[in-house]
Each structure stands twice: as structure tokens, then as C-alpha cells.
């Protein structure tokens, strides 16, 4: 876990997320596909709703790295999920 401490909220969140992913993986394929489609639609809606100035606003990732939506969105679309 590197620099994380056991009481670190990021560590607890990572563990909770991993458990939810594992539990969700047992669902029927059609349900998983429907979830992916719904998530993609929400993502597209959120991206389209960003005002121009927001594309250059910096946000801190869980890793402490500062990113902008202009650099984060393409990374997420490639499947690499930093922070």
C-alpha cells in the first residue's frame, strides 16, 4: 500500500470498491452490459455539460497528482484509471 496508512480513507475506499466490483461481477451478462451502457451515457452527459473553463480547472487525484479534465478524460477513455 505504499505511503497509505491503514486508517487512510483512500485505502478504505479502495477496499470497498474492490468488494463491490467482485460482488457485481457475479451478475448476469445482460445486467452488466446495461450498467456499462448507462454509465457510458452518464459519463458522456457529464463531459458534454462541462463549461469551457472547467476543462482547465485542476483537481487533485487520490495519488496527490494535479490533473485537469482535458488530460484526465482521454486517460479514462483509454482504460487507464489514475488516482
PDB file of N, CA and C in Angstrom:
ATOM      1  N   UNK A   1       0.803  -1.180   0.000  1.00  0.00           N
ATOM      2  CA  UNK A   1       0.000   0.000   0.000  1.00  0.00           C
ATOM      3  C   UNK A   1       0.855   1.256   0.000  1.00  0.00           C
ATOM      4  N   UNK A   2       2.111   1.122  -0.077  1.00  0.00           N
ATOM      5  CA  UNK A   2       2.996   2.268  -0.212  1.00  0.00           C
ATOM      6  C   UNK A   2       2.847   3.260   0.911  1.00  0.00           C
ATOM      7  N   UNK A   3       2.564   4.505   0.554  1.00  0.00           N
ATOM      8  CA  UNK A   3       2.506   5.574   1.536  1.00  0.00           C
ATOM      9  C   UNK A   3       1.192   5.595   2.308  1.00  0.00           C
ATOM     10  N   UNK A   4       0.234   4.771   1.928  1.00  0.00           N
ATOM     11  CA  UNK A   4      -1.050   4.790   2.621  1.00  0.00           C
ATOM     12  C   UNK A   4      -0.941   4.180   4.012  1.00  0.00           C
ATOM     13  N   UNK A   5      -1.706   4.730   4.924  1.00  0.00           N
ATOM     14  CA  UNK A   5      -1.817   4.178   6.271  1.00  0.00           C
ATOM     15  C   UNK A   5      -3.118   3.398   6.349  1.00  0.00           C
ATOM     16  N   UNK A   6      -3.211   2.462   7.265  1.00  0.00           N
ATOM     17  CA  UNK A   6      -4.414   1.625   7.371  1.00  0.00           C
ATOM     18  C   UNK A   6      -5.674   2.453   7.602  1.00  0.00           C
ATOM     19  N   UNK A   7      -5.574   3.564   8.318  1.00  0.00           N
ATOM     20  CA  UNK A   7      -6.738   4.391   8.576  1.00  0.00           C
ATOM     21  C   UNK A   7      -7.027   5.384   7.474  1.00  0.00           C
ATOM     22  N   UNK A   8      -6.238   5.381   6.441  1.00  0.00           N
ATOM     23  CA  UNK A   8      -6.394   6.332   5.343  1.00  0.00           C
ATOM     24  C   UNK A   8      -7.718   6.073   4.624  1.00  0.00           C
ATOM     25  N   UNK A   9      -8.558   7.109   4.455  1.00  0.00           N
ATOM     26  CA  UNK A   9      -9.840   6.916   3.755  1.00  0.00           C
ATOM     27  C   UNK A   9      -9.675   6.363   2.348  1.00  0.00           C
ATOM     28  N   UNK A  10      -8.587   6.701   1.658  1.00  0.00           N
ATOM     29  CA  UNK A  10      -8.374   6.189   0.303  1.00  0.00           C
ATOM     30  C   UNK A  10      -8.213   4.674   0.322  1.00  0.00           C
ATOM     31  N   UNK A  11      -7.566   4.143   1.357  1.00  0.00           N
ATOM     32  CA  UNK A  11      -7.387   2.694   1.466  1.00  0.00           C
ATOM     33  C   UNK A  11      -8.732   2.022   1.731  1.00  0.00           C
ATOM     34  N   UNK A  12      -9.512   2.606   2.626  1.00  0.00           N
ATOM     35  CA  UNK A  12     -10.838   2.031   2.912  1.00  0.00           C
ATOM     36  C   UNK A  12     -11.709   2.072   1.660  1.00  0.00           C
ATOM     37  N   UNK A  13     -11.681   3.187   0.934  1.00  0.00           N
ATOM     38  CA  UNK A  13     -12.481   3.322  -0.281  1.00  0.00           C
ATOM     39  C   UNK A  13     -12.048   2.306  -1.331  1.00  0.00           C
ATOM     40  N   UNK A  14     -10.737   2.109  -1.488  1.00  0.00           N
ATOM     41  CA  UNK A  14     -10.230   1.138  -2.457  1.00  0.00           C
ATOM     42  C   UNK A  14     -10.734  -0.260  -2.113  1.00  0.00           C
ATOM     43  N   UNK A  15     -10.691  -0.627  -0.845  1.00  0.00           N
ATOM     44  CA  UNK A  15     -11.168  -1.946  -0.423  1.00  0.00           C
ATOM     45  C   UNK A  15     -12.654  -2.121  -0.656  1.00  0.00           C
ATOM     46  N   UNK A  16     -13.415  -1.084  -0.353  1.00  0.00           N
ATOM     47  CA  UNK A  16     -14.870  -1.136  -0.564  1.00  0.00           C
ATOM     48  C   UNK A  16     -15.170  -1.257  -2.061  1.00  0.00           C
ATOM     49  N   UNK A  17     -14.463  -0.489  -2.881  1.00  0.00           N
ATOM     50  CA  UNK A  17     -14.680  -0.530  -4.339  1.00  0.00           C
ATOM     51  C   UNK A  17     -14.343  -1.913  -4.890  1.00  0.00           C
ATOM     52  N   UNK A  18     -13.244  -2.502  -4.429  1.00  0.00           N
ATOM     53  CA  UNK A  18     -12.852  -3.838  -4.890  1.00  0.00           C
ATOM     54  C   UNK A  18     -13.918  -4.868  -4.532  1.00  0.00           C
ATOM     55  N   UNK A  19     -14.483  -4.762  -3.320  1.00  0.00           N
ATOM     56  CA  UNK A  19     -15.522  -5.699  -2.892  1.00  0.00           C
ATOM     57  C   UNK A  19     -16.782  -5.532  -3.736  1.00  0.00           C
ATOM     58  N   UNK A  20     -17.146  -4.290  -4.051  1.00  0.00           N
ATOM     59  CA  UNK A  20     -18.324  -4.045  -4.876  1.00  0.00           C
ATOM     60  C   UNK A  20     -18.126  -4.580  -6.295  1.00  0.00           C
ATOM     61  N   UNK A  21     -16.932  -4.421  -6.833  1.00  0.00           N
ATOM     62  CA  UNK A  21     -16.639  -4.935  -8.177  1.00  0.00           C
ATOM     63  C   UNK A  21     -16.741  -6.461  -8.183  1.00  0.00           C
ATOM     64  N   UNK A  22     -16.177  -7.092  -7.186  1.00  0.00           N
ATOM     65  CA  UNK A  22     -16.222  -8.552  -7.098  1.00  0.00           C
ATOM     66  C   UNK A  22     -17.664  -9.047  -6.993  1.00  0.00           C
ATOM     67  N   UNK A  23     -18.459  -8.402  -6.156  1.00  0.00           N
ATOM     68  CA  UNK A  23     -19.864  -8.801  -5.995  1.00  0.00           C
ATOM     69  C   UNK A  23     -20.633  -8.578  -7.294  1.00  0.00           C
ATOM     70  N   UNK A  24     -20.381  -7.464  -7.957  1.00  0.00           N
ATOM     71  CA  UNK A  24     -21.088  -7.148  -9.197  1.00  0.00           C
ATOM     72  C   UNK A  24     -20.718  -8.056 -10.342  1.00  0.00           C
ATOM     73  N   UNK A  25     -19.534  -8.625 -10.305  1.00  0.00           N
ATOM     74  CA  UNK A  25     -19.077  -9.495 -11.395  1.00  0.00           C
ATOM     75  C   UNK A  25     -19.900 -10.770 -11.493  1.00  0.00           C
ATOM     76  N   UNK A  26     -20.625 -11.089 -10.478  1.00  0.00           N
ATOM     77  CA  UNK A  26     -21.439 -12.315 -10.481  1.00  0.00           C
ATOM     78  C   UNK A  26     -22.825 -12.097 -11.097  1.00  0.00           C
ATOM     79  N   UNK A  27     -23.138 -10.886 -11.492  1.00  0.00           N
ATOM     80  CA  UNK A  27     -24.449 -10.587 -12.065  1.00  0.00           C
ATOM     81  C   UNK A  27     -24.550 -11.113 -13.501  1.00  0.00           C
ATOM     82  N   UNK A  28     -25.757 -11.285 -13.991  1.00  0.00           N
ATOM     83  CA  UNK A  28     -25.942 -11.759 -15.375  1.00  0.00           C
ATOM     84  C   UNK A  28     -25.318 -10.790 -16.371  1.00  0.00           C
ATOM     85  N   UNK A  29     -24.850 -11.346 -17.491  1.00  0.00           N
ATOM     86  CA  UNK A  29     -24.179 -10.548 -18.517  1.00  0.00           C
ATOM     87  C   UNK A  29     -25.068  -9.402 -18.995  1.00  0.00           C
ATOM     88  N   UNK A  30     -26.328  -9.667 -19.241  1.00  0.00           N
ATOM     89  CA  UNK A  30     -27.226  -8.618 -19.737  1.00  0.00           C
ATOM     90  C   UNK A  30     -27.304  -7.454 -18.757  1.00  0.00           C
ATOM     91  N   UNK A  31     -27.294  -7.744 -17.481  1.00  0.00           N
ATOM     92  CA  UNK A  31     -27.332  -6.699 -16.447  1.00  0.00           C
ATOM     93  C   UNK A  31     -26.025  -5.897 -16.451  1.00  0.00           C
ATOM     94  N   UNK A  32     -24.902  -6.586 -16.600  1.00  0.00           N
ATOM     95  CA  UNK A  32     -23.609  -5.906 -16.671  1.00  0.00           C
ATOM     96  C   UNK A  32     -23.538  -4.992 -17.889  1.00  0.00           C
ATOM     97  N   UNK A  33     -23.991  -5.482 -19.032  1.00  0.00           N
ATOM     98  CA  UNK A  33     -23.988  -4.682 -20.266  1.00  0.00           C
ATOM     99  C   UNK A  33     -24.870  -3.449 -20.086  1.00  0.00           C
ATOM    100  N   UNK A  34     -26.034  -3.625 -19.494  1.00  0.00           N
ATOM    101  CA  UNK A  34     -26.936  -2.492 -19.256  1.00  0.00           C
ATOM    102  C   UNK A  34     -26.271  -1.460 -18.351  1.00  0.00           C
ATOM    103  N   UNK A  35     -25.557  -1.916 -17.330  1.00  0.00           N
ATOM    104  CA  UNK A  35     -24.840  -0.998 -16.437  1.00  0.00           C
ATOM    105  C   UNK A  35     -23.752  -0.231 -17.185  1.00  0.00           C
ATOM    106  N   UNK A  36     -22.999  -0.923 -18.034  1.00  0.00           N
ATOM    107  CA  UNK A  36     -21.935  -0.258 -18.808  1.00  0.00           C
ATOM    108  C   UNK A  36     -22.543   0.796 -19.720  1.00  0.00           C
ATOM    109  N   UNK A  37     -23.628   0.472 -20.368  1.00  0.00           N
ATOM    110  CA  UNK A  37     -24.277   1.434 -21.271  1.00  0.00           C
ATOM    111  C   UNK A  37     -24.793   2.647 -20.494  1.00  0.00           C
ATOM    112  N   UNK A  38     -25.418   2.397 -19.348  1.00  0.00           N
ATOM    113  CA  UNK A  38     -25.950   3.503 -18.540  1.00  0.00           C
ATOM    114  C   UNK A  38     -24.812   4.378 -18.011  1.00  0.00           C
ATOM    115  N   UNK A  39     -23.730   3.751 -17.580  1.00  0.00           N
ATOM    116  CA  UNK A  39     -22.580   4.500 -17.081  1.00  0.00           C
ATOM    117  C   UNK A  39     -21.954   5.327 -18.191  1.00  0.00           C
ATOM    118  N   UNK A  40     -21.836   4.755 -19.380  1.00  0.00           N
ATOM    119  CA  UNK A  40     -21.272   5.488 -20.520  1.00  0.00           C
ATOM    120  C   UNK A  40     -22.140   6.690 -20.865  1.00  0.00           C
ATOM    121  N   UNK A  41     -23.441   6.528 -20.796  1.00  0.00           N
ATOM    122  CA  UNK A  41     -24.356   7.636 -21.097  1.00  0.00           C
ATOM    123  C   UNK A  41     -24.223   8.745 -20.060  1.00  0.00           C
ATOM    124  N   UNK A  42     -24.107   8.374 -18.776  1.00  0.00           N
ATOM    125  CA  UNK A  42     -23.927   9.387 -17.719  1.00  0.00           C
ATOM    126  C   UNK A  42     -22.594  10.098 -17.883  1.00  0.00           C
ATOM    127  N   UNK A  43     -21.553   9.347 -18.235  1.00  0.00           N
ATOM    128  CA  UNK A  43     -20.230   9.939 -18.448  1.00  0.00           C
ATOM    129  C   UNK A  43     -20.292  10.939 -19.601  1.00  0.00           C
ATOM    130  N   UNK A  44     -20.884  10.541 -20.718  1.00  0.00           N
ATOM    131  CA  UNK A  44     -20.986  11.432 -21.869  1.00  0.00           C
ATOM    132  C   UNK A  44     -21.762  12.691 -21.511  1.00  0.00           C
ATOM    133  N   UNK A  45     -22.848  12.537 -20.775  1.00  0.00           N
ATOM    134  CA  UNK A  45     -23.658  13.686 -20.362  1.00  0.00           C
ATOM    135  C   UNK A  45     -22.842  14.642 -19.488  1.00  0.00           C
ATOM    136  N   UNK A  46     -22.082  14.078 -18.554  1.00  0.00           N
ATOM    137  CA  UNK A  46     -21.267  14.910 -17.665  1.00  0.00           C
ATOM    138  C   UNK A  46     -20.173  15.646 -18.438  1.00  0.00           C
ATOM    139  N   UNK A  47     -19.537  14.960 -19.377  1.00  0.00           N
ATOM    140  CA  UNK A  47     -18.477  15.579 -20.173  1.00  0.00           C
ATOM    141  C   UNK A  47     -19.051  16.698 -21.036  1.00  0.00           C
ATOM    142  N   UNK A  48     -20.176  16.444 -21.655  1.00  0.00           N
ATOM    143  CA  UNK A  48     -20.786  17.466 -22.518  1.00  0.00           C
ATOM    144  C   UNK A  48     -21.264  18.678 -21.708  1.00  0.00           C
ATOM    145  N   UNK A  49     -21.583  18.481 -20.446  1.00  0.00           N
ATOM    146  CA  UNK A  49     -22.092  19.570 -19.603  1.00  0.00           C
ATOM    147  C   UNK A  49     -20.986  20.459 -19.035  1.00  0.00           C
ATOM    148  N   UNK A  50     -19.726  20.020 -19.145  1.00  0.00           N
ATOM    149  CA  UNK A  50     -18.636  20.835 -18.600  1.00  0.00           C
ATOM    150  C   UNK A  50     -18.513  22.147 -19.371  1.00  0.00           C
ATOM    151  N   UNK A  51     -18.530  23.259 -18.653  1.00  0.00           N
ATOM    152  CA  UNK A  51     -18.313  24.531 -19.344  1.00  0.00           C
ATOM    153  C   UNK A  51     -16.852  24.637 -19.786  1.00  0.00           C
ATOM    154  N   UNK A  52     -16.560  25.446 -20.789  1.00  0.00           N
ATOM    155  CA  UNK A  52     -15.195  25.540 -21.311  1.00  0.00           C
ATOM    156  C   UNK A  52     -14.120  25.783 -20.245  1.00  0.00           C
ATOM    157  N   UNK A  53     -14.389  26.648 -19.294  1.00  0.00           N
ATOM    158  CA  UNK A  53     -13.382  26.947 -18.263  1.00  0.00           C
ATOM    159  C   UNK A  53     -13.067  25.726 -17.394  1.00  0.00           C
ATOM    160  N   UNK A  54     -14.033  24.834 -17.230  1.00  0.00           N
ATOM    161  CA  UNK A  54     -13.832  23.660 -16.368  1.00  0.00           C
ATOM    162  C   UNK A  54     -12.780  22.707 -16.930  1.00  0.00           C
ATOM    163  N   UNK A  55     -12.576  22.728 -18.230  1.00  0.00           N
ATOM    164  CA  UNK A  55     -11.608  21.828 -18.847  1.00  0.00           C
ATOM    165  C   UNK A  55     -10.180  22.139 -18.406  1.00  0.00           C
ATOM    166  N   UNK A  56      -9.967  23.307 -17.826  1.00  0.00           N
ATOM    167  CA  UNK A  56      -8.626  23.703 -17.409  1.00  0.00           C
ATOM    168  C   UNK A  56      -8.502  23.843 -15.897  1.00  0.00           C
ATOM    169  N   UNK A  57      -9.566  23.527 -15.155  1.00  0.00           N
ATOM    170  CA  UNK A  57      -9.529  23.577 -13.691  1.00  0.00           C
ATOM    171  C   UNK A  57      -8.784  22.350 -13.173  1.00  0.00           C
ATOM    172  N   UNK A  58      -7.882  22.563 -12.233  1.00  0.00           N
ATOM    173  CA  UNK A  58      -7.116  21.437 -11.697  1.00  0.00           C
ATOM    174  C   UNK A  58      -7.847  20.779 -10.538  1.00  0.00           C
ATOM    175  N   UNK A  59      -7.781  19.459 -10.511  1.00  0.00           N
ATOM    176  CA  UNK A  59      -8.326  18.664  -9.405  1.00  0.00           C
ATOM    177  C   UNK A  59      -7.228  17.736  -8.914  1.00  0.00           C
ATOM    178  N   UNK A  60      -7.236  17.470  -7.624  1.00  0.00           N
ATOM    179  CA  UNK A  60      -6.211  16.594  -7.048  1.00  0.00           C
ATOM    180  C   UNK A  60      -6.717  15.158  -7.057  1.00  0.00           C
ATOM    181  N   UNK A  61      -5.914  14.278  -7.634  1.00  0.00           N
ATOM    182  CA  UNK A  61      -6.234  12.855  -7.679  1.00  0.00           C
ATOM    183  C   UNK A  61      -5.915  12.222  -6.322  1.00  0.00           C
ATOM    184  N   UNK A  62      -6.370  11.004  -6.097  1.00  0.00           N
ATOM    185  CA  UNK A  62      -6.058  10.310  -4.835  1.00  0.00           C
ATOM    186  C   UNK A  62      -4.565  10.147  -4.640  1.00  0.00           C
ATOM    187  N   UNK A  63      -3.822  10.129  -5.727  1.00  0.00           N
ATOM    188  CA  UNK A  63      -2.366   9.976  -5.646  1.00  0.00           C
ATOM    189  C   UNK A  63      -1.677  11.267  -5.246  1.00  0.00           C
ATOM    190  N   UNK A  64      -2.439  12.374  -5.221  1.00  0.00           N
ATOM    191  CA  UNK A  64      -1.869  13.673  -4.926  1.00  0.00           C
ATOM    192  C   UNK A  64      -1.508  14.454  -6.177  1.00  0.00           C
ATOM    193  N   UNK A  65      -1.550  13.789  -7.314  1.00  0.00           N
ATOM    194  CA  UNK A  65      -1.232  14.427  -8.596  1.00  0.00           C
ATOM    195  C   UNK A  65      -2.355  15.392  -8.972  1.00  0.00           C
ATOM    196  N   UNK A  66      -1.981  16.529  -9.545  1.00  0.00           N
ATOM    197  CA  UNK A  66      -2.949  17.501 -10.037  1.00  0.00           C
ATOM    198  C   UNK A  66      -3.219  17.231 -11.512  1.00  0.00           C
ATOM    199  N   UNK A  67      -4.497  17.182 -11.893  1.00  0.00           N
ATOM    200  CA  UNK A  67      -4.883  16.929 -13.287  1.00  0.00           C
ATOM    201  C   UNK A  67      -6.001  17.879 -13.680  1.00  0.00           C
ATOM    202  N   UNK A  68      -6.209  18.038 -14.974  1.00  0.00           N
ATOM    203  CA  UNK A  68      -7.350  18.783 -15.498  1.00  0.00           C
ATOM    204  C   UNK A  68      -8.238  17.806 -16.257  1.00  0.00           C
ATOM    205  N   UNK A  69      -9.522  18.125 -16.407  1.00  0.00           N
ATOM    206  CA  UNK A  69     -10.371  17.249 -17.218  1.00  0.00           C
ATOM    207  C   UNK A  69      -9.819  17.064 -18.634  1.00  0.00           C
ATOM    208  N   UNK A  70      -9.155  18.079 -19.155  1.00  0.00           N
ATOM    209  CA  UNK A  70      -8.593  17.972 -20.506  1.00  0.00           C
ATOM    210  C   UNK A  70      -7.561  16.850 -20.608  1.00  0.00           C
ATOM    211  N   UNK A  71      -6.866  16.544 -19.517  1.00  0.00           N
ATOM    212  CA  UNK A  71      -5.899  15.435 -19.537  1.00  0.00           C
ATOM    213  C   UNK A  71      -6.482  14.156 -18.942  1.00  0.00           C
ATOM    214  N   UNK A  72      -7.432  14.300 -18.033  1.00  0.00           N
ATOM    215  CA  UNK A  72      -7.986  13.135 -17.349  1.00  0.00           C
ATOM    216  C   UNK A  72      -8.960  12.346 -18.220  1.00  0.00           C
ATOM    217  N   UNK A  73      -9.836  13.024 -18.919  1.00  0.00           N
ATOM    218  CA  UNK A  73     -10.865  12.334 -19.710  1.00  0.00           C
ATOM    219  C   UNK A  73     -10.240  11.404 -20.752  1.00  0.00           C
ATOM    220  N   UNK A  74      -9.284  11.848 -21.567  1.00  0.00           N
ATOM    221  CA  UNK A  74      -8.684  10.908 -22.536  1.00  0.00           C
ATOM    222  C   UNK A  74      -8.017   9.709 -21.849  1.00  0.00           C
ATOM    223  N   UNK A  75      -7.413   9.935 -20.694  1.00  0.00           N
ATOM    224  CA  UNK A  75      -6.785   8.843 -19.951  1.00  0.00           C
ATOM    225  C   UNK A  75      -7.831   7.830 -19.523  1.00  0.00           C
ATOM    226  N   UNK A  76      -8.942   8.305 -19.009  1.00  0.00           N
ATOM    227  CA  UNK A  76     -10.030   7.407 -18.576  1.00  0.00           C
ATOM    228  C   UNK A  76     -10.602   6.627 -19.759  1.00  0.00           C
ATOM    229  N   UNK A  77     -10.736   7.282 -20.882  1.00  0.00           N
ATOM    230  CA  UNK A  77     -11.288   6.604 -22.059  1.00  0.00           C
ATOM    231  C   UNK A  77     -10.377   5.503 -22.583  1.00  0.00           C
ATOM    232  N   UNK A  78      -9.075   5.643 -22.347  1.00  0.00           N
ATOM    233  CA  UNK A  78      -8.129   4.597 -22.757  1.00  0.00           C
ATOM    234  C   UNK A  78      -8.172   3.418 -21.807  1.00  0.00           C
ATOM    235  N   UNK A  79      -8.812   3.577 -20.649  1.00  0.00           N
ATOM    236  CA  UNK A  79      -8.924   2.491 -19.690  1.00  0.00           C
ATOM    237  C   UNK A  79      -7.885   2.529 -18.600  1.00  0.00           C
ATOM    238  N   UNK A  80      -7.026   3.529 -18.620  1.00  0.00           N
ATOM    239  CA  UNK A  80      -6.045   3.689 -17.566  1.00  0.00           C
ATOM    240  C   UNK A  80      -6.657   4.613 -16.545  1.00  0.00           C
ATOM    241  N   UNK A  81      -6.807   4.148 -15.328  1.00  0.00           N
ATOM    242  CA  UNK A  81      -7.509   4.929 -14.308  1.00  0.00           C
ATOM    243  C   UNK A  81      -6.569   5.423 -13.228  1.00  0.00           C
ATOM    244  N   UNK A  82      -5.895   6.530 -13.444  1.00  0.00           N
ATOM    245  CA  UNK A  82      -5.011   7.040 -12.397  1.00  0.00           C
ATOM    246  C   UNK A  82      -5.812   7.600 -11.250  1.00  0.00           C
ATOM    247  N   UNK A  83      -5.183   7.622 -10.093  1.00  0.00           N
ATOM    248  CA  UNK A  83      -5.787   8.264  -8.925  1.00  0.00           C
ATOM    249  C   UNK A  83      -7.085   7.702  -8.669  1.00  0.00           C
TER     250      UNK A  83
END
